[in-house]
Structures are given as structure tokens and as C-alpha cells.
Amino acid sequence: MNAYKHTPMTLKDLKSIDYTGAKPIDFWIQSPYNDIDNDMIEIPKSMSQLRYAIFKGIATKHLRTNFSCLREEPGNFKNEQRSKFIGWYDEYPDYEGAVLDFFIRGSSSNDIMKDVLRAVFEEKFEYLQPYRTTLFQFELRLKLCLANGEVLEINNRGVGHFKYKA
């Protein structure tokens, strides 16, 4: 039997959950321009694939500098996976639109969710083109089935939008 967590949760609440054995069961992202590639919106089959999907929604220049689990050169981690990204809002103009290889460290589900929650919810920028003040630049709705059978729904509605002054 699946039970939904309906109680509104804070980022602190989400960080305190044990994600060991969790599995993504629904995943939806959307940009303000409705221009998301279909391969980017497939439901991740594992927590590692979830982190990769979230990382693809982060501008390349910020991806390089904000996560210790990711490197551009192989051999930095004992357990690493080569992952392809499309460069966007990159500090190197030649990488804009280019296919770039990054290497992501294998991690526990709890460490993966620390990265996911940080990317999606922590407001980092006063102003960042094109969309949000968070690292992850798109609208997200995610459902995870926790090891105990509970279904946790996470969304970033209302988080990270720019507050323009008139």
C-alpha cells in the first residue's frame, strides 16, 4: 500500500528524510518556453539517474563549480560514471551547445538527494539568466517511493523566481 505525504514540508524536513532504498516513480520538468527535449523528461529509473536529470537543468558554468561529486576529467573518483551534458550559459563560448563529458561520483541515495535538494531549492543567485535564482533552472514535480512504501511528492512551485522591483 502506498501512502502519500501530504503535509507541507520545509527544505529542512526534506533533508531529514532517509532516502535509502528510494526510487523515482514520477518526474516532470518544464521550462518557461516549453522547449525541453524528450530525453530530458524520461522518468529516471534510479537515484543516480535522478541526479543526472537534475544536473542537466543547471547551466554548465554553475555545474562545474557547485558540486564536489562532478568533475570534467576522469579518475578523480573510485566509482564514477561518464555522463553527457549539453553546454549552455557556459563561461567558454565554444562549449555553448556542445556535447560535454562530465564524470559523476557514485553515491548513496542520501548523498544524491542532498545534491538534488540543494540544486532545486537553495536560492543562490540574485539574478541569473534565464529563469530562476536556484541552480536548477526549471519547474519540477517529482515523486519518490521511499523504502517504507510512502510516496513523497516534491515540487519547486514558487521557489527561485525572480522578484523584480518596479
C-alpha atoms as a PDB file:
ATOM      1  CA  MET A   1       0.000   0.000   0.000  1.00  0.00           C
ATOM      2  CA  ASN A   2       1.290   3.447  -0.881  1.00  0.00           C
ATOM      3  CA  ALA A   3       0.678   6.417   1.351  1.00  0.00           C
ATOM      4  CA  TYR A   4       1.265   9.984   0.269  1.00  0.00           C
ATOM      5  CA  LYS A   5       2.980  12.551   2.437  1.00  0.00           C
ATOM      6  CA  HIS A   6       0.563  15.477   2.109  1.00  0.00           C
ATOM      7  CA  THR A   7       1.922  17.606   4.908  1.00  0.00           C
ATOM      8  CA  PRO A   8       3.752  20.659   3.577  1.00  0.00           C
ATOM      9  CA  MET A   9       7.434  20.166   4.223  1.00  0.00           C
ATOM     10  CA  THR A  10      10.298  22.576   4.553  1.00  0.00           C
ATOM     11  CA  LEU A  11      13.700  22.091   2.991  1.00  0.00           C
ATOM     12  CA  LYS A  12      14.913  21.110   6.464  1.00  0.00           C
ATOM     13  CA  ASP A  13      12.194  18.415   6.623  1.00  0.00           C
ATOM     14  CA  LEU A  14      13.164  17.088   3.192  1.00  0.00           C
ATOM     15  CA  LYS A  15      16.830  16.955   4.187  1.00  0.00           C
ATOM     16  CA  SER A  16      15.994  14.905   7.298  1.00  0.00           C
ATOM     17  CA  ILE A  17      14.314  12.044   5.390  1.00  0.00           C
ATOM     18  CA  ASP A  18      16.186   8.759   4.922  1.00  0.00           C
ATOM     19  CA  TYR A  19      16.233   8.181   1.155  1.00  0.00           C
ATOM     20  CA  THR A  20      17.955   4.772   1.371  1.00  0.00           C
ATOM     21  CA  GLY A  21      16.061   2.462  -0.980  1.00  0.00           C
ATOM     22  CA  ALA A  22      14.017   5.305  -2.505  1.00  0.00           C
ATOM     23  CA  LYS A  23      13.070   5.146  -6.165  1.00  0.00           C
ATOM     24  CA  PRO A  24      11.739   7.817  -8.541  1.00  0.00           C
ATOM     25  CA  ILE A  25       8.236   6.944  -9.761  1.00  0.00           C
ATOM     26  CA  ASP A  26       7.214  10.191 -11.476  1.00  0.00           C
ATOM     27  CA  PHE A  27       9.250  13.049 -12.910  1.00  0.00           C
ATOM     28  CA  TRP A  28       8.116  16.156 -14.749  1.00  0.00           C
ATOM     29  CA  ILE A  29      10.069  19.273 -15.669  1.00  0.00           C
ATOM     30  CA  GLN A  30       9.110  22.298 -17.716  1.00  0.00           C
ATOM     31  CA  SER A  31      10.844  25.424 -18.919  1.00  0.00           C
ATOM     32  CA  PRO A  32       9.092  28.788 -19.311  1.00  0.00           C
ATOM     33  CA  TYR A  33       9.451  28.344 -23.083  1.00  0.00           C
ATOM     34  CA  ASN A  34       8.178  24.731 -23.281  1.00  0.00           C
ATOM     35  CA  ASP A  35      11.423  23.727 -25.015  1.00  0.00           C
ATOM     36  CA  ILE A  36      12.531  20.678 -23.005  1.00  0.00           C
ATOM     37  CA  ASP A  37      13.993  17.759 -25.002  1.00  0.00           C
ATOM     38  CA  ASN A  38      12.106  14.480 -24.603  1.00  0.00           C
ATOM     39  CA  ASP A  39      15.226  12.644 -23.389  1.00  0.00           C
ATOM     40  CA  MET A  40      15.433  15.107 -20.526  1.00  0.00           C
ATOM     41  CA  ILE A  41      11.970  14.283 -19.203  1.00  0.00           C
ATOM     42  CA  GLU A  42      12.122  10.489 -19.072  1.00  0.00           C
ATOM     43  CA  ILE A  43      11.363   9.136 -15.604  1.00  0.00           C
ATOM     44  CA  PRO A  44      14.731   8.274 -14.025  1.00  0.00           C
ATOM     45  CA  LYS A  45      14.985   4.585 -13.131  1.00  0.00           C
ATOM     46  CA  SER A  46      17.405   5.118 -10.250  1.00  0.00           C
ATOM     47  CA  MET A  47      18.511   7.803  -7.838  1.00  0.00           C
ATOM     48  CA  SER A  48      21.754   8.226  -9.817  1.00  0.00           C
ATOM     49  CA  GLN A  49      19.729   8.881 -12.964  1.00  0.00           C
ATOM     50  CA  LEU A  50      17.602  11.361 -11.000  1.00  0.00           C
ATOM     51  CA  ARG A  51      20.675  13.374 -10.002  1.00  0.00           C
ATOM     52  CA  TYR A  52      21.899  13.297 -13.620  1.00  0.00           C
ATOM     53  CA  ALA A  53      18.492  14.562 -14.834  1.00  0.00           C
ATOM     54  CA  ILE A  54      18.562  17.409 -12.300  1.00  0.00           C
ATOM     55  CA  PHE A  55      22.164  18.273 -13.212  1.00  0.00           C
ATOM     56  CA  LYS A  56      21.127  18.617 -16.881  1.00  0.00           C
ATOM     57  CA  GLY A  57      18.885  21.501 -15.759  1.00  0.00           C
ATOM     58  CA  ILE A  58      21.830  23.501 -14.402  1.00  0.00           C
ATOM     59  CA  ALA A  59      23.835  25.955 -16.515  1.00  0.00           C
ATOM     60  CA  THR A  60      27.197  24.402 -17.345  1.00  0.00           C
ATOM     61  CA  LYS A  61      29.303  27.110 -15.718  1.00  0.00           C
ATOM     62  CA  HIS A  62      27.479  26.552 -12.402  1.00  0.00           C
ATOM     63  CA  LEU A  63      27.574  22.788 -12.727  1.00  0.00           C
ATOM     64  CA  ARG A  64      31.384  22.956 -12.896  1.00  0.00           C
ATOM     65  CA  THR A  65      31.781  24.881  -9.658  1.00  0.00           C
ATOM     66  CA  ASN A  66      28.982  23.850  -7.288  1.00  0.00           C
ATOM     67  CA  PHE A  67      29.151  20.079  -6.863  1.00  0.00           C
ATOM     68  CA  SER A  68      32.069  18.082  -5.459  1.00  0.00           C
ATOM     69  CA  CYS A  69      30.616  14.869  -6.946  1.00  0.00           C
ATOM     70  CA  LEU A  70      31.240  16.039 -10.519  1.00  0.00           C
ATOM     71  CA  ARG A  71      34.460  16.567 -12.483  1.00  0.00           C
ATOM     72  CA  GLU A  72      35.428  17.169 -16.106  1.00  0.00           C
ATOM     73  CA  GLU A  73      38.381  14.773 -16.009  1.00  0.00           C
ATOM     74  CA  PRO A  74      38.113  11.027 -15.324  1.00  0.00           C
ATOM     75  CA  GLY A  75      39.947   9.322 -12.488  1.00  0.00           C
ATOM     76  CA  ASN A  76      39.013  11.648  -9.625  1.00  0.00           C
ATOM     77  CA  PHE A  77      36.602   9.168  -8.061  1.00  0.00           C
ATOM     78  CA  LYS A  78      36.830   5.481  -7.284  1.00  0.00           C
ATOM     79  CA  ASN A  79      33.320   4.877  -8.591  1.00  0.00           C
ATOM     80  CA  GLU A  80      32.435   7.300 -11.385  1.00  0.00           C
ATOM     81  CA  GLN A  81      30.060   7.377 -14.334  1.00  0.00           C
ATOM     82  CA  ARG A  82      30.694   9.263 -17.588  1.00  0.00           C
ATOM     83  CA  SER A  83      27.694  11.495 -18.338  1.00  0.00           C
ATOM     84  CA  LYS A  84      26.981  13.671 -21.362  1.00  0.00           C
ATOM     85  CA  PHE A  85      25.716  17.230 -20.989  1.00  0.00           C
ATOM     86  CA  ILE A  86      24.878  19.965 -23.479  1.00  0.00           C
ATOM     87  CA  GLY A  87      26.764  23.164 -22.694  1.00  0.00           C
ATOM     88  CA  TRP A  88      24.549  26.176 -22.020  1.00  0.00           C
ATOM     89  CA  TYR A  89      25.256  29.521 -20.386  1.00  0.00           C
ATOM     90  CA  ASP A  90      28.837  28.350 -20.341  1.00  0.00           C
ATOM     91  CA  GLU A  91      31.809  30.526 -19.460  1.00  0.00           C
ATOM     92  CA  TYR A  92      33.577  29.126 -22.550  1.00  0.00           C
ATOM     93  CA  PRO A  93      31.744  30.339 -25.706  1.00  0.00           C
ATOM     94  CA  ASP A  94      32.949  27.347 -27.770  1.00  0.00           C
ATOM     95  CA  TYR A  95      31.132  24.984 -25.378  1.00  0.00           C
ATOM     96  CA  GLU A  96      27.730  26.619 -25.871  1.00  0.00           C
ATOM     97  CA  GLY A  97      25.569  23.854 -27.384  1.00  0.00           C
ATOM     98  CA  ALA A  98      28.468  21.378 -27.421  1.00  0.00           C
ATOM     99  CA  VAL A  99      28.221  17.858 -26.009  1.00  0.00           C
ATOM    100  CA  LEU A 100      30.425  17.781 -22.898  1.00  0.00           C
ATOM    101  CA  ASP A 101      31.528  14.790 -20.834  1.00  0.00           C
ATOM    102  CA  PHE A 102      31.461  15.059 -17.061  1.00  0.00           C
ATOM    103  CA  PHE A 103      32.193  12.320 -14.553  1.00  0.00           C
ATOM    104  CA  ILE A 104      29.808  11.863 -11.643  1.00  0.00           C
ATOM    105  CA  ARG A 105      30.823  10.015  -8.489  1.00  0.00           C
ATOM    106  CA  GLY A 106      28.692   7.086  -7.408  1.00  0.00           C
ATOM    107  CA  SER A 107      26.963   7.997  -4.151  1.00  0.00           C
ATOM    108  CA  SER A 108      24.405   6.790  -1.647  1.00  0.00           C
ATOM    109  CA  SER A 109      20.767   7.776  -2.161  1.00  0.00           C
ATOM    110  CA  ASN A 110      21.033  10.176   0.786  1.00  0.00           C
ATOM    111  CA  ASP A 111      24.054  11.947  -0.723  1.00  0.00           C
ATOM    112  CA  ILE A 112      22.323  12.090  -4.098  1.00  0.00           C
ATOM    113  CA  MET A 113      19.263  13.739  -2.522  1.00  0.00           C
ATOM    114  CA  LYS A 114      21.484  16.306  -0.777  1.00  0.00           C
ATOM    115  CA  ASP A 115      22.710  17.337  -4.248  1.00  0.00           C
ATOM    116  CA  VAL A 116      19.192  17.275  -5.740  1.00  0.00           C
ATOM    117  CA  LEU A 117      17.638  19.320  -2.924  1.00  0.00           C
ATOM    118  CA  ARG A 118      20.495  21.810  -2.982  1.00  0.00           C
ATOM    119  CA  ALA A 119      20.172  22.284  -6.744  1.00  0.00           C
ATOM    120  CA  VAL A 120      16.394  22.615  -6.722  1.00  0.00           C
ATOM    121  CA  PHE A 121      15.692  24.643  -3.575  1.00  0.00           C
ATOM    122  CA  GLU A 122      18.637  26.651  -2.321  1.00  0.00           C
ATOM    123  CA  GLU A 123      18.409  30.138  -3.727  1.00  0.00           C
ATOM    124  CA  LYS A 124      21.895  31.042  -4.797  1.00  0.00           C
ATOM    125  CA  PHE A 125      21.628  33.953  -7.191  1.00  0.00           C
ATOM    126  CA  GLU A 126      20.232  37.438  -7.025  1.00  0.00           C
ATOM    127  CA  TYR A 127      19.871  37.352 -10.776  1.00  0.00           C
ATOM    128  CA  LEU A 128      20.731  34.576 -13.184  1.00  0.00           C
ATOM    129  CA  GLN A 129      19.643  34.293 -16.774  1.00  0.00           C
ATOM    130  CA  PRO A 130      17.410  32.843 -17.921  1.00  0.00           C
ATOM    131  CA  TYR A 131      14.878  31.605 -15.392  1.00  0.00           C
ATOM    132  CA  ARG A 132      15.450  31.181 -11.633  1.00  0.00           C
ATOM    133  CA  THR A 133      17.581  32.137  -8.632  1.00  0.00           C
ATOM    134  CA  THR A 134      18.317  28.451  -7.924  1.00  0.00           C
ATOM    135  CA  LEU A 135      20.913  26.275  -9.653  1.00  0.00           C
ATOM    136  CA  PHE A 136      18.218  24.082 -11.244  1.00  0.00           C
ATOM    137  CA  GLN A 137      16.514  26.303 -13.792  1.00  0.00           C
ATOM    138  CA  PHE A 138      13.184  24.569 -14.473  1.00  0.00           C
ATOM    139  CA  GLU A 139       9.871  23.793 -12.844  1.00  0.00           C
ATOM    140  CA  LEU A 140       9.933  20.332 -11.241  1.00  0.00           C
ATOM    141  CA  ARG A 141       7.439  17.805  -9.965  1.00  0.00           C
ATOM    142  CA  LEU A 142       8.966  14.613  -8.593  1.00  0.00           C
ATOM    143  CA  LYS A 143       7.508  11.606  -6.809  1.00  0.00           C
ATOM    144  CA  LEU A 144       9.691   9.196  -4.895  1.00  0.00           C
ATOM    145  CA  CYS A 145       8.638   5.899  -3.393  1.00  0.00           C
ATOM    146  CA  LEU A 146      10.500   5.608  -0.097  1.00  0.00           C
ATOM    147  CA  ALA A 147      11.705   2.239   1.213  1.00  0.00           C
ATOM    148  CA  ASN A 148       8.735   2.072   3.637  1.00  0.00           C
ATOM    149  CA  GLY A 149       6.266   2.393   0.722  1.00  0.00           C
ATOM    150  CA  GLU A 150       5.348   6.034   1.342  1.00  0.00           C
ATOM    151  CA  VAL A 151       5.202   8.254  -1.726  1.00  0.00           C
ATOM    152  CA  LEU A 152       6.852  11.630  -1.320  1.00  0.00           C
ATOM    153  CA  GLU A 153       5.908  14.375  -3.778  1.00  0.00           C
ATOM    154  CA  ILE A 154       8.393  17.195  -4.217  1.00  0.00           C
ATOM    155  CA  ASN A 155       7.879  20.278  -6.360  1.00  0.00           C
ATOM    156  CA  ASN A 156       9.544  23.647  -6.628  1.00  0.00           C
ATOM    157  CA  ARG A 157       6.460  25.704  -7.389  1.00  0.00           C
ATOM    158  CA  GLY A 158       7.016  29.193  -6.062  1.00  0.00           C
ATOM    159  CA  VAL A 159      10.726  28.674  -5.353  1.00  0.00           C
ATOM    160  CA  GLY A 160      13.521  30.544  -7.049  1.00  0.00           C
ATOM    161  CA  HIS A 161      11.536  33.008  -9.124  1.00  0.00           C
ATOM    162  CA  PHE A 162      12.980  36.455  -9.579  1.00  0.00           C
ATOM    163  CA  LYS A 163      11.399  39.244  -7.629  1.00  0.00           C
ATOM    164  CA  TYR A 164      11.511  42.268  -9.907  1.00  0.00           C
ATOM    165  CA  LYS A 165      11.368  45.737  -8.452  1.00  0.00           C
ATOM    166  CA  ALA A 166       9.031  48.229 -10.102  1.00  0.00           C
END
